[in-house]
PDB file of N, CA and C in Angstrom:
ATOM      1  N   MET A   1       5.506   8.781  -4.270  1.00  0.00           N
ATOM      2  CA  MET A   1       4.104   8.448  -4.263  1.00  0.00           C
ATOM      3  C   MET A   1       3.831   7.290  -3.307  1.00  0.00           C
ATOM      4  N   TYR A   2       4.719   6.304  -3.267  1.00  0.00           N
ATOM      5  CA  TYR A   2       4.483   5.148  -2.419  1.00  0.00           C
ATOM      6  C   TYR A   2       4.575   5.482  -0.932  1.00  0.00           C
ATOM      7  N   GLU A   3       5.381   6.476  -0.594  1.00  0.00           N
ATOM      8  CA  GLU A   3       5.455   6.903   0.801  1.00  0.00           C
ATOM      9  C   GLU A   3       4.118   7.498   1.244  1.00  0.00           C
ATOM     10  N   LEU A   4       3.503   8.257   0.376  1.00  0.00           N
ATOM     11  CA  LEU A   4       2.195   8.829   0.682  1.00  0.00           C
ATOM     12  C   LEU A   4       1.142   7.733   0.856  1.00  0.00           C
ATOM     13  N   VAL A   5       1.163   6.754  -0.037  1.00  0.00           N
ATOM     14  CA  VAL A   5       0.240   5.624   0.082  1.00  0.00           C
ATOM     15  C   VAL A   5       0.480   4.910   1.413  1.00  0.00           C
ATOM     16  N   ALA A   6       1.734   4.657   1.740  1.00  0.00           N
ATOM     17  CA  ALA A   6       2.066   3.951   2.978  1.00  0.00           C
ATOM     18  C   ALA A   6       1.551   4.698   4.199  1.00  0.00           C
ATOM     19  N   GLN A   7       1.670   6.012   4.205  1.00  0.00           N
ATOM     20  CA  GLN A   7       1.193   6.803   5.339  1.00  0.00           C
ATOM     21  C   GLN A   7      -0.321   6.732   5.472  1.00  0.00           C
ATOM     22  N   ARG A   8      -1.002   6.720   4.365  1.00  0.00           N
ATOM     23  CA  ARG A   8      -2.469   6.749   4.403  1.00  0.00           C
ATOM     24  C   ARG A   8      -3.105   5.407   4.703  1.00  0.00           C
ATOM     25  N   VAL A   9      -2.430   4.305   4.361  1.00  0.00           N
ATOM     26  CA  VAL A   9      -3.053   2.993   4.537  1.00  0.00           C
ATOM     27  C   VAL A   9      -2.433   2.171   5.657  1.00  0.00           C
ATOM     28  N   ALA A  10      -1.463   2.701   6.346  1.00  0.00           N
ATOM     29  CA  ALA A  10      -0.828   1.953   7.439  1.00  0.00           C
ATOM     30  C   ALA A  10      -1.885   1.480   8.434  1.00  0.00           C
ATOM     31  N   GLY A  11      -1.850   0.201   8.730  1.00  0.00           N
ATOM     32  CA  GLY A  11      -2.776  -0.370   9.696  1.00  0.00           C
ATOM     33  C   GLY A  11      -4.127  -0.770   9.129  1.00  0.00           C
ATOM     34  N   GLU A  12      -4.372  -0.474   7.873  1.00  0.00           N
ATOM     35  CA  GLU A  12      -5.634  -0.858   7.235  1.00  0.00           C
ATOM     36  C   GLU A  12      -5.588  -2.337   6.835  1.00  0.00           C
ATOM     37  N   PRO A  13      -6.745  -2.939   6.562  1.00  0.00           N
ATOM     38  CA  PRO A  13      -6.766  -4.335   6.108  1.00  0.00           C
ATOM     39  C   PRO A  13      -5.960  -4.515   4.816  1.00  0.00           C
ATOM     40  N   VAL A  14      -5.474  -5.728   4.602  1.00  0.00           N
ATOM     41  CA  VAL A  14      -4.624  -6.026   3.442  1.00  0.00           C
ATOM     42  C   VAL A  14      -5.320  -5.677   2.127  1.00  0.00           C
ATOM     43  N   ASP A  15      -6.617  -5.933   2.025  1.00  0.00           N
ATOM     44  CA  ASP A  15      -7.292  -5.632   0.756  1.00  0.00           C
ATOM     45  C   ASP A  15      -7.288  -4.131   0.464  1.00  0.00           C
ATOM     46  N   VAL A  16      -7.353  -3.321   1.488  1.00  0.00           N
ATOM     47  CA  VAL A  16      -7.314  -1.865   1.305  1.00  0.00           C
ATOM     48  C   VAL A  16      -5.914  -1.428   0.878  1.00  0.00           C
ATOM     49  N   THR A  17      -4.894  -1.949   1.539  1.00  0.00           N
ATOM     50  CA  THR A  17      -3.526  -1.568   1.189  1.00  0.00           C
ATOM     51  C   THR A  17      -3.158  -2.063  -0.206  1.00  0.00           C
ATOM     52  N   THR A  18      -3.617  -3.262  -0.551  1.00  0.00           N
ATOM     53  CA  THR A  18      -3.348  -3.803  -1.886  1.00  0.00           C
ATOM     54  C   THR A  18      -3.988  -2.928  -2.953  1.00  0.00           C
ATOM     55  N   ALA A  19      -5.231  -2.551  -2.753  1.00  0.00           N
ATOM     56  CA  ALA A  19      -5.930  -1.713  -3.732  1.00  0.00           C
ATOM     57  C   ALA A  19      -5.233  -0.362  -3.893  1.00  0.00           C
ATOM     58  N   ALA A  20      -4.781   0.218  -2.791  1.00  0.00           N
ATOM     59  CA  ALA A  20      -4.100   1.512  -2.853  1.00  0.00           C
ATOM     60  C   ALA A  20      -2.785   1.396  -3.615  1.00  0.00           C
ATOM     61  N   LEU A  21      -2.031   0.349  -3.338  1.00  0.00           N
ATOM     62  CA  LEU A  21      -0.756   0.158  -4.043  1.00  0.00           C
ATOM     63  C   LEU A  21      -0.973  -0.126  -5.521  1.00  0.00           C
ATOM     64  N   ARG A  22      -1.986  -0.914  -5.847  1.00  0.00           N
ATOM     65  CA  ARG A  22      -2.270  -1.186  -7.263  1.00  0.00           C
ATOM     66  C   ARG A  22      -2.675   0.094  -7.983  1.00  0.00           C
ATOM     67  N   SER A  23      -3.415   0.932  -7.322  1.00  0.00           N
ATOM     68  CA  SER A  23      -3.814   2.204  -7.922  1.00  0.00           C
ATOM     69  C   SER A  23      -2.593   3.070  -8.199  1.00  0.00           C
ATOM     70  N   ALA A  24      -1.682   3.134  -7.235  1.00  0.00           N
ATOM     71  CA  ALA A  24      -0.452   3.919  -7.421  1.00  0.00           C
ATOM     72  C   ALA A  24       0.403   3.332  -8.540  1.00  0.00           C
ATOM     73  N   ALA A  25       0.511   2.014  -8.578  1.00  0.00           N
ATOM     74  CA  ALA A  25       1.295   1.358  -9.631  1.00  0.00           C
ATOM     75  C   ALA A  25       0.673   1.621 -11.002  1.00  0.00           C
ATOM     76  N   ARG A  26      -0.640   1.524 -11.085  1.00  0.00           N
ATOM     77  CA  ARG A  26      -1.343   1.790 -12.344  1.00  0.00           C
ATOM     78  C   ARG A  26      -1.081   3.228 -12.807  1.00  0.00           C
ATOM     79  N   ALA A  27      -1.097   4.166 -11.881  1.00  0.00           N
ATOM     80  CA  ALA A  27      -0.855   5.572 -12.217  1.00  0.00           C
ATOM     81  C   ALA A  27       0.547   5.782 -12.779  1.00  0.00           C
ATOM     82  N   GLU A  28       1.479   4.929 -12.363  1.00  0.00           N
ATOM     83  CA  GLU A  28       2.851   5.043 -12.859  1.00  0.00           C
ATOM     84  C   GLU A  28       3.118   4.145 -14.062  1.00  0.00           C
ATOM     85  N   GLY A  29       2.085   3.431 -14.517  1.00  0.00           N
ATOM     86  CA  GLY A  29       2.243   2.580 -15.686  1.00  0.00           C
ATOM     87  C   GLY A  29       2.934   1.260 -15.399  1.00  0.00           C
ATOM     88  N   LEU A  30       2.914   0.834 -14.125  1.00  0.00           N
ATOM     89  CA  LEU A  30       3.562  -0.413 -13.744  1.00  0.00           C
ATOM     90  C   LEU A  30       2.577  -1.572 -13.756  1.00  0.00           C
ATOM     91  N   ASP A  31       3.092  -2.782 -13.751  1.00  0.00           N
ATOM     92  CA  ASP A  31       2.293  -4.000 -13.696  1.00  0.00           C
ATOM     93  C   ASP A  31       1.621  -4.077 -12.332  1.00  0.00           C
ATOM     94  N   ILE A  32       0.293  -4.049 -12.299  1.00  0.00           N
ATOM     95  CA  ILE A  32      -0.421  -4.036 -11.020  1.00  0.00           C
ATOM     96  C   ILE A  32      -0.512  -5.418 -10.384  1.00  0.00           C
ATOM     97  N   HIS A  33      -0.019  -6.432 -11.068  1.00  0.00           N
ATOM     98  CA  HIS A  33      -0.044  -7.787 -10.509  1.00  0.00           C
ATOM     99  C   HIS A  33       1.351  -8.271 -10.112  1.00  0.00           C
ATOM    100  N   HIS A  34       2.290  -7.353 -10.047  1.00  0.00           N
ATOM    101  CA  HIS A  34       3.658  -7.720  -9.679  1.00  0.00           C
ATOM    102  C   HIS A  34       3.676  -8.187  -8.220  1.00  0.00           C
ATOM    103  N   PRO A  35       4.450  -9.227  -7.893  1.00  0.00           N
ATOM    104  CA  PRO A  35       4.455  -9.792  -6.533  1.00  0.00           C
ATOM    105  C   PRO A  35       4.835  -8.823  -5.414  1.00  0.00           C
ATOM    106  N   TRP A  36       5.612  -7.789  -5.697  1.00  0.00           N
ATOM    107  CA  TRP A  36       6.006  -6.863  -4.624  1.00  0.00           C
ATOM    108  C   TRP A  36       4.802  -6.154  -4.029  1.00  0.00           C
ATOM    109  N   ILE A  37       3.750  -5.989  -4.801  1.00  0.00           N
ATOM    110  CA  ILE A  37       2.574  -5.274  -4.307  1.00  0.00           C
ATOM    111  C   ILE A  37       1.938  -6.030  -3.149  1.00  0.00           C
ATOM    112  N   GLU A  38       1.778  -7.328  -3.291  1.00  0.00           N
ATOM    113  CA  GLU A  38       1.199  -8.140  -2.212  1.00  0.00           C
ATOM    114  C   GLU A  38       2.069  -8.090  -0.958  1.00  0.00           C
ATOM    115  N   ALA A  39       3.377  -8.220  -1.153  1.00  0.00           N
ATOM    116  CA  ALA A  39       4.297  -8.210  -0.008  1.00  0.00           C
ATOM    117  C   ALA A  39       4.275  -6.853   0.694  1.00  0.00           C
ATOM    118  N   ALA A  40       4.300  -5.782  -0.075  1.00  0.00           N
ATOM    119  CA  ALA A  40       4.280  -4.440   0.515  1.00  0.00           C
ATOM    120  C   ALA A  40       2.955  -4.174   1.211  1.00  0.00           C
ATOM    121  N   ALA A  41       1.863  -4.627   0.622  1.00  0.00           N
ATOM    122  CA  ALA A  41       0.543  -4.424   1.230  1.00  0.00           C
ATOM    123  C   ALA A  41       0.449  -5.124   2.577  1.00  0.00           C
ATOM    124  N   GLN A  42       0.971  -6.320   2.668  1.00  0.00           N
ATOM    125  CA  GLN A  42       0.939  -7.041   3.941  1.00  0.00           C
ATOM    126  C   GLN A  42       1.762  -6.311   4.990  1.00  0.00           C
ATOM    127  N   GLN A  43       2.916  -5.814   4.608  1.00  0.00           N
ATOM    128  CA  GLN A  43       3.767  -5.075   5.549  1.00  0.00           C
ATOM    129  C   GLN A  43       3.083  -3.795   6.005  1.00  0.00           C
ATOM    130  N   MET A  44       2.505  -3.060   5.070  1.00  0.00           N
ATOM    131  CA  MET A  44       1.842  -1.805   5.412  1.00  0.00           C
ATOM    132  C   MET A  44       0.653  -2.028   6.340  1.00  0.00           C
ATOM    133  N   SER A  45      -0.058  -3.120   6.152  1.00  0.00           N
ATOM    134  CA  SER A  45      -1.232  -3.371   6.990  1.00  0.00           C
ATOM    135  C   SER A  45      -0.826  -3.701   8.427  1.00  0.00           C
ATOM    136  N   LEU A  46       0.420  -4.112   8.636  1.00  0.00           N
ATOM    137  CA  LEU A  46       0.908  -4.419   9.979  1.00  0.00           C
ATOM    138  C   LEU A  46       1.416  -3.183  10.714  1.00  0.00           C
ATOM    139  N   GLU A  47       1.690  -2.122   9.968  1.00  0.00           N
ATOM    140  CA  GLU A  47       2.265  -0.916  10.563  1.00  0.00           C
ATOM    141  C   GLU A  47       1.179  -0.002  11.109  1.00  0.00           C
ATOM    142  N   ARG A  48       1.554   0.798  12.076  1.00  0.00           N
ATOM    143  CA  ARG A  48       0.630   1.797  12.643  1.00  0.00           C
ATOM    144  C   ARG A  48       0.725   3.067  11.812  1.00  0.00           C
ATOM    145  N   SER A  49      -0.384   3.736  11.679  1.00  0.00           N
ATOM    146  CA  SER A  49      -0.427   5.010  10.988  1.00  0.00           C
ATOM    147  C   SER A  49       0.345   6.038  11.799  1.00  0.00           C
ATOM    148  N   PRO A  50       1.179   6.864  11.153  1.00  0.00           N
ATOM    149  CA  PRO A  50       1.894   7.931  11.870  1.00  0.00           C
ATOM    150  C   PRO A  50       0.929   8.869  12.593  1.00  0.00           C
ATOM    151  N   ALA A  51      -0.252   9.044  12.067  1.00  0.00           N
ATOM    152  CA  ALA A  51      -1.235   9.929  12.699  1.00  0.00           C
ATOM    153  C   ALA A  51      -1.728   9.375  14.031  1.00  0.00           C
ATOM    154  N   LEU A  52      -1.625   8.053  14.220  1.00  0.00           N
ATOM    155  CA  LEU A  52      -2.085   7.422  15.452  1.00  0.00           C
ATOM    156  C   LEU A  52      -0.992   7.303  16.497  1.00  0.00           C
ATOM    157  N   SER A  53       0.227   7.606  16.116  1.00  0.00           N
ATOM    158  CA  SER A  53       1.357   7.456  17.044  1.00  0.00           C
ATOM    159  C   SER A  53       1.393   8.570  18.061  1.00  0.00           C
TER     160      SER A  53
END
């Protein structure tokens, strides 16, 4: 699921990537305030979307 989120939000602003990751985490019953979400969101926002490559 996280790979799909990463593909769809790559290059988007951090708030968009954070919201997408929190939604995915919530769907899996995980803590949506866990620190990895912020770190992953920042990384994803720096990456280019595969569709744009």
